[in-house]
Amino acid sequence: MPSSVISNIRYDKDTRSLFITFVSGLVYKYLFVPEKVYREIKTASSKGSYLNRFIKGKFSFEKQD
């Protein structure tokens, strides 16, 4: 999963939560994300571009500690 911005992507089907871990170590939990979006970002050629275009500003999020 090479990305210059994102180090890990995880999805919880039960809560429909998408967890994005950035290379800086910050983790964001995006809420009520369809599983399709998770599958698409996992296979996107540019995960950062996909995040900016299809996730940021479209789903509520919580910064994780």
PDB file of N, CA and C in Angstrom:
ATOM      1  N   MET A   1       0.824  -1.184   0.000  1.00  0.00           N
ATOM      2  CA  MET A   1       0.000   0.000   0.000  1.00  0.00           C
ATOM      3  C   MET A   1       0.869   1.248   0.000  1.00  0.00           C
ATOM      4  N   PRO A   2       1.703   1.422  -0.985  1.00  0.00           N
ATOM      5  CA  PRO A   2       2.583   2.586  -0.991  1.00  0.00           C
ATOM      6  C   PRO A   2       1.815   3.894  -1.140  1.00  0.00           C
ATOM      7  N   SER A   3       2.123   4.819  -0.249  1.00  0.00           N
ATOM      8  CA  SER A   3       1.556   6.165  -0.315  1.00  0.00           C
ATOM      9  C   SER A   3       2.526   7.093   0.390  1.00  0.00           C
ATOM     10  N   SER A   4       2.684   8.282  -0.133  1.00  0.00           N
ATOM     11  CA  SER A   4       3.589   9.244   0.506  1.00  0.00           C
ATOM     12  C   SER A   4       2.907   9.956   1.671  1.00  0.00           C
ATOM     13  N   VAL A   5       1.602   9.808   1.810  1.00  0.00           N
ATOM     14  CA  VAL A   5       0.838  10.521   2.841  1.00  0.00           C
ATOM     15  C   VAL A   5       0.203   9.570   3.861  1.00  0.00           C
ATOM     16  N   ILE A   6      -0.279   8.429   3.394  1.00  0.00           N
ATOM     17  CA  ILE A   6      -1.049   7.501   4.232  1.00  0.00           C
ATOM     18  C   ILE A   6      -0.205   6.253   4.501  1.00  0.00           C
ATOM     19  N   SER A   7      -0.123   5.876   5.788  1.00  0.00           N
ATOM     20  CA  SER A   7       0.651   4.677   6.113  1.00  0.00           C
ATOM     21  C   SER A   7      -0.227   3.446   6.331  1.00  0.00           C
ATOM     22  N   ASN A   8      -1.516   3.660   6.683  1.00  0.00           N
ATOM     23  CA  ASN A   8      -2.390   2.510   6.916  1.00  0.00           C
ATOM     24  C   ASN A   8      -3.853   2.915   6.738  1.00  0.00           C
ATOM     25  N   ILE A   9      -4.643   1.963   6.246  1.00  0.00           N
ATOM     26  CA  ILE A   9      -6.084   2.151   6.090  1.00  0.00           C
ATOM     27  C   ILE A   9      -6.763   0.927   6.673  1.00  0.00           C
ATOM     28  N   ARG A  10      -7.739   1.172   7.543  1.00  0.00           N
ATOM     29  CA  ARG A  10      -8.471   0.062   8.162  1.00  0.00           C
ATOM     30  C   ARG A  10      -9.955   0.406   8.158  1.00  0.00           C
ATOM     31  N   TYR A  11     -10.796  -0.606   8.061  1.00  0.00           N
ATOM     32  CA  TYR A  11     -12.248  -0.391   8.014  1.00  0.00           C
ATOM     33  C   TYR A  11     -12.932  -1.313   9.010  1.00  0.00           C
ATOM     34  N   ASP A  12     -13.892  -0.764   9.746  1.00  0.00           N
ATOM     35  CA  ASP A  12     -14.714  -1.550  10.673  1.00  0.00           C
ATOM     36  C   ASP A  12     -16.117  -1.636  10.079  1.00  0.00           C
ATOM     37  N   LYS A  13     -16.472  -2.832   9.581  1.00  0.00           N
ATOM     38  CA  LYS A  13     -17.778  -3.025   8.933  1.00  0.00           C
ATOM     39  C   LYS A  13     -18.940  -2.783   9.889  1.00  0.00           C
ATOM     40  N   ASP A  14     -18.781  -3.186  11.136  1.00  0.00           N
ATOM     41  CA  ASP A  14     -19.873  -3.067  12.111  1.00  0.00           C
ATOM     42  C   ASP A  14     -20.275  -1.616  12.361  1.00  0.00           C
ATOM     43  N   THR A  15     -19.281  -0.735  12.435  1.00  0.00           N
ATOM     44  CA  THR A  15     -19.575   0.678  12.716  1.00  0.00           C
ATOM     45  C   THR A  15     -19.484   1.558  11.471  1.00  0.00           C
ATOM     46  N   ARG A  16     -19.081   0.952  10.344  1.00  0.00           N
ATOM     47  CA  ARG A  16     -18.876   1.685   9.089  1.00  0.00           C
ATOM     48  C   ARG A  16     -17.881   2.832   9.279  1.00  0.00           C
ATOM     49  N   SER A  17     -16.822   2.528  10.043  1.00  0.00           N
ATOM     50  CA  SER A  17     -15.782   3.518  10.329  1.00  0.00           C
ATOM     51  C   SER A  17     -14.531   3.221   9.506  1.00  0.00           C
ATOM     52  N   LEU A  18     -13.994   4.257   8.913  1.00  0.00           N
ATOM     53  CA  LEU A  18     -12.768   4.160   8.127  1.00  0.00           C
ATOM     54  C   LEU A  18     -11.662   4.850   8.910  1.00  0.00           C
ATOM     55  N   PHE A  19     -10.597   4.109   9.202  1.00  0.00           N
ATOM     56  CA  PHE A  19      -9.471   4.647   9.955  1.00  0.00           C
ATOM     57  C   PHE A  19      -8.315   4.889   9.001  1.00  0.00           C
ATOM     58  N   ILE A  20      -7.853   6.126   8.953  1.00  0.00           N
ATOM     59  CA  ILE A  20      -6.727   6.500   8.112  1.00  0.00           C
ATOM     60  C   ILE A  20      -5.571   6.898   9.027  1.00  0.00           C
ATOM     61  N   THR A  21      -4.457   6.203   8.899  1.00  0.00           N
ATOM     62  CA  THR A  21      -3.246   6.563   9.633  1.00  0.00           C
ATOM     63  C   THR A  21      -2.295   7.229   8.652  1.00  0.00           C
ATOM     64  N   PHE A  22      -1.883   8.442   8.995  1.00  0.00           N
ATOM     65  CA  PHE A  22      -0.985   9.206   8.136  1.00  0.00           C
ATOM     66  C   PHE A  22       0.463   8.906   8.504  1.00  0.00           C
ATOM     67  N   VAL A  23       1.378   9.179   7.600  1.00  0.00           N
ATOM     68  CA  VAL A  23       2.789   8.913   7.863  1.00  0.00           C
ATOM     69  C   VAL A  23       3.285   9.711   9.065  1.00  0.00           C
ATOM     70  N   SER A  24       2.620  10.793   9.387  1.00  0.00           N
ATOM     71  CA  SER A  24       2.990  11.600  10.563  1.00  0.00           C
ATOM     72  C   SER A  24       2.627  10.902  11.869  1.00  0.00           C
ATOM     73  N   GLY A  25       1.785   9.846  11.775  1.00  0.00           N
ATOM     74  CA  GLY A  25       1.331   9.146  12.972  1.00  0.00           C
ATOM     75  C   GLY A  25      -0.085   9.512  13.383  1.00  0.00           C
ATOM     76  N   LEU A  26      -0.619  10.600  12.834  1.00  0.00           N
ATOM     77  CA  LEU A  26      -1.993  10.990  13.152  1.00  0.00           C
ATOM     78  C   LEU A  26      -2.977   9.972  12.598  1.00  0.00           C
ATOM     79  N   VAL A  27      -4.037   9.723  13.365  1.00  0.00           N
ATOM     80  CA  VAL A  27      -5.073   8.780  12.941  1.00  0.00           C
ATOM     81  C   VAL A  27      -6.412   9.502  12.950  1.00  0.00           C
ATOM     82  N   TYR A  28      -7.142   9.384  11.852  1.00  0.00           N
ATOM     83  CA  TYR A  28      -8.478   9.955  11.744  1.00  0.00           C
ATOM     84  C   TYR A  28      -9.476   8.837  11.511  1.00  0.00           C
ATOM     85  N   LYS A  29     -10.589   8.944  12.194  1.00  0.00           N
ATOM     86  CA  LYS A  29     -11.688   7.983  12.053  1.00  0.00           C
ATOM     87  C   LYS A  29     -12.809   8.699  11.310  1.00  0.00           C
ATOM     88  N   TYR A  30     -13.110   8.239  10.100  1.00  0.00           N
ATOM     89  CA  TYR A  30     -14.198   8.799   9.306  1.00  0.00           C
ATOM     90  C   TYR A  30     -15.449   7.962   9.558  1.00  0.00           C
ATOM     91  N   LEU A  31     -16.569   8.630   9.773  1.00  0.00           N
ATOM     92  CA  LEU A  31     -17.793   7.985  10.244  1.00  0.00           C
ATOM     93  C   LEU A  31     -18.793   7.727   9.124  1.00  0.00           C
ATOM     94  N   PHE A  32     -19.495   6.596   9.235  1.00  0.00           N
ATOM     95  CA  PHE A  32     -20.581   6.216   8.316  1.00  0.00           C
ATOM     96  C   PHE A  32     -20.116   6.167   6.856  1.00  0.00           C
ATOM     97  N   VAL A  33     -18.970   5.540   6.653  1.00  0.00           N
ATOM     98  CA  VAL A  33     -18.376   5.409   5.328  1.00  0.00           C
ATOM     99  C   VAL A  33     -18.831   4.084   4.709  1.00  0.00           C
ATOM    100  N   PRO A  34     -19.379   4.104   3.511  1.00  0.00           N
ATOM    101  CA  PRO A  34     -19.759   2.845   2.856  1.00  0.00           C
ATOM    102  C   PRO A  34     -18.524   1.972   2.593  1.00  0.00           C
ATOM    103  N   GLU A  35     -18.699   0.673   2.673  1.00  0.00           N
ATOM    104  CA  GLU A  35     -17.585  -0.244   2.448  1.00  0.00           C
ATOM    105  C   GLU A  35     -16.990  -0.063   1.044  1.00  0.00           C
ATOM    106  N   LYS A  36     -17.809   0.327   0.104  1.00  0.00           N
ATOM    107  CA  LYS A  36     -17.343   0.572  -1.271  1.00  0.00           C
ATOM    108  C   LYS A  36     -16.219   1.619  -1.294  1.00  0.00           C
ATOM    109  N   VAL A  37     -16.353   2.654  -0.480  1.00  0.00           N
ATOM    110  CA  VAL A  37     -15.334   3.707  -0.419  1.00  0.00           C
ATOM    111  C   VAL A  37     -14.022   3.126   0.112  1.00  0.00           C
ATOM    112  N   TYR A  38     -14.115   2.268   1.130  1.00  0.00           N
ATOM    113  CA  TYR A  38     -12.922   1.605   1.651  1.00  0.00           C
ATOM    114  C   TYR A  38     -12.244   0.771   0.569  1.00  0.00           C
ATOM    115  N   ARG A  39     -13.016  -0.020  -0.151  1.00  0.00           N
ATOM    116  CA  ARG A  39     -12.437  -0.855  -1.206  1.00  0.00           C
ATOM    117  C   ARG A  39     -11.774   0.004  -2.286  1.00  0.00           C
ATOM    118  N   GLU A  40     -12.410   1.118  -2.611  1.00  0.00           N
ATOM    119  CA  GLU A  40     -11.872   1.998  -3.653  1.00  0.00           C
ATOM    120  C   GLU A  40     -10.575   2.677  -3.231  1.00  0.00           C
ATOM    121  N   ILE A  41     -10.510   3.160  -1.991  1.00  0.00           N
ATOM    122  CA  ILE A  41      -9.267   3.824  -1.568  1.00  0.00           C
ATOM    123  C   ILE A  41      -8.125   2.818  -1.463  1.00  0.00           C
ATOM    124  N   LYS A  42      -8.450   1.581  -1.073  1.00  0.00           N
ATOM    125  CA  LYS A  42      -7.403   0.559  -0.966  1.00  0.00           C
ATOM    126  C   LYS A  42      -6.771   0.266  -2.327  1.00  0.00           C
ATOM    127  N   THR A  43      -7.537   0.380  -3.400  1.00  0.00           N
ATOM    128  CA  THR A  43      -7.032   0.055  -4.733  1.00  0.00           C
ATOM    129  C   THR A  43      -6.683   1.293  -5.564  1.00  0.00           C
ATOM    130  N   ALA A  44      -6.899   2.474  -5.008  1.00  0.00           N
ATOM    131  CA  ALA A  44      -6.618   3.709  -5.749  1.00  0.00           C
ATOM    132  C   ALA A  44      -5.122   3.840  -6.033  1.00  0.00           C
ATOM    133  N   SER A  45      -4.788   4.333  -7.212  1.00  0.00           N
ATOM    134  CA  SER A  45      -3.374   4.518  -7.554  1.00  0.00           C
ATOM    135  C   SER A  45      -2.759   5.636  -6.705  1.00  0.00           C
ATOM    136  N   SER A  46      -3.563   6.630  -6.335  1.00  0.00           N
ATOM    137  CA  SER A  46      -3.114   7.685  -5.431  1.00  0.00           C
ATOM    138  C   SER A  46      -4.098   7.765  -4.271  1.00  0.00           C
ATOM    139  N   LYS A  47      -3.702   7.205  -3.143  1.00  0.00           N
ATOM    140  CA  LYS A  47      -4.588   7.178  -1.982  1.00  0.00           C
ATOM    141  C   LYS A  47      -4.836   8.576  -1.429  1.00  0.00           C
ATOM    142  N   GLY A  48      -3.819   9.417  -1.452  1.00  0.00           N
ATOM    143  CA  GLY A  48      -3.978  10.795  -0.986  1.00  0.00           C
ATOM    144  C   GLY A  48      -4.964  11.576  -1.838  1.00  0.00           C
ATOM    145  N   SER A  49      -4.881  11.417  -3.143  1.00  0.00           N
ATOM    146  CA  SER A  49      -5.818  12.099  -4.046  1.00  0.00           C
ATOM    147  C   SER A  49      -7.236  11.587  -3.845  1.00  0.00           C
ATOM    148  N   TYR A  50      -7.368  10.265  -3.670  1.00  0.00           N
ATOM    149  CA  TYR A  50      -8.697   9.696  -3.432  1.00  0.00           C
ATOM    150  C   TYR A  50      -9.268  10.254  -2.127  1.00  0.00           C
ATOM    151  N   LEU A  51      -8.459  10.298  -1.091  1.00  0.00           N
ATOM    152  CA  LEU A  51      -8.893  10.841   0.197  1.00  0.00           C
ATOM    153  C   LEU A  51      -9.395  12.274   0.036  1.00  0.00           C
ATOM    154  N   ASN A  52      -8.628  13.092  -0.639  1.00  0.00           N
ATOM    155  CA  ASN A  52      -9.003  14.495  -0.820  1.00  0.00           C
ATOM    156  C   ASN A  52     -10.272  14.661  -1.652  1.00  0.00           C
ATOM    157  N   ARG A  53     -10.433  13.822  -2.645  1.00  0.00           N
ATOM    158  CA  ARG A  53     -11.561  13.984  -3.572  1.00  0.00           C
ATOM    159  C   ARG A  53     -12.867  13.359  -3.082  1.00  0.00           C
ATOM    160  N   PHE A  54     -12.773  12.202  -2.427  1.00  0.00           N
ATOM    161  CA  PHE A  54     -13.987  11.444  -2.127  1.00  0.00           C
ATOM    162  C   PHE A  54     -14.304  11.265  -0.639  1.00  0.00           C
ATOM    163  N   ILE A  55     -13.388  11.665   0.241  1.00  0.00           N
ATOM    164  CA  ILE A  55     -13.630  11.431   1.670  1.00  0.00           C
ATOM    165  C   ILE A  55     -13.638  12.735   2.471  1.00  0.00           C
ATOM    166  N   LYS A  56     -12.568  13.515   2.365  1.00  0.00           N
ATOM    167  CA  LYS A  56     -12.500  14.777   3.117  1.00  0.00           C
ATOM    168  C   LYS A  56     -13.649  15.691   2.713  1.00  0.00           C
ATOM    169  N   GLY A  57     -14.325  16.237   3.710  1.00  0.00           N
ATOM    170  CA  GLY A  57     -15.438  17.142   3.460  1.00  0.00           C
ATOM    171  C   GLY A  57     -16.750  16.450   3.150  1.00  0.00           C
ATOM    172  N   LYS A  58     -16.708  15.133   3.014  1.00  0.00           N
ATOM    173  CA  LYS A  58     -17.935  14.386   2.702  1.00  0.00           C
ATOM    174  C   LYS A  58     -18.400  13.524   3.876  1.00  0.00           C
ATOM    175  N   PHE A  59     -17.466  13.176   4.765  1.00  0.00           N
ATOM    176  CA  PHE A  59     -17.791  12.358   5.933  1.00  0.00           C
ATOM    177  C   PHE A  59     -17.311  13.054   7.191  1.00  0.00           C
ATOM    178  N   SER A  60     -18.094  12.937   8.261  1.00  0.00           N
ATOM    179  CA  SER A  60     -17.658  13.444   9.551  1.00  0.00           C
ATOM    180  C   SER A  60     -16.472  12.614  10.005  1.00  0.00           C
ATOM    181  N   PHE A  61     -15.638  13.226  10.860  1.00  0.00           N
ATOM    182  CA  PHE A  61     -14.465  12.501  11.321  1.00  0.00           C
ATOM    183  C   PHE A  61     -14.151  12.865  12.765  1.00  0.00           C
ATOM    184  N   GLU A  62     -13.353  12.010  13.381  1.00  0.00           N
ATOM    185  CA  GLU A  62     -12.846  12.252  14.726  1.00  0.00           C
ATOM    186  C   GLU A  62     -11.352  11.992  14.685  1.00  0.00           C
ATOM    187  N   LYS A  63     -10.585  12.909  15.249  1.00  0.00           N
ATOM    188  CA  LYS A  63      -9.154  12.692  15.380  1.00  0.00           C
ATOM    189  C   LYS A  63      -8.952  11.744  16.559  1.00  0.00           C
ATOM    190  N   GLN A  64      -8.180  10.689  16.347  1.00  0.00           N
ATOM    191  CA  GLN A  64      -7.952   9.691  17.388  1.00  0.00           C
ATOM    192  C   GLN A  64      -6.693  10.041  18.185  1.00  0.00           C
ATOM    193  N   ASP A  65      -6.690   9.654  19.447  1.00  0.00           N
ATOM    194  CA  ASP A  65      -5.497   9.899  20.300  1.00  0.00           C
ATOM    195  C   ASP A  65      -4.498   8.789  20.178  1.00  0.00           C
TER     196      ASP A  65
END
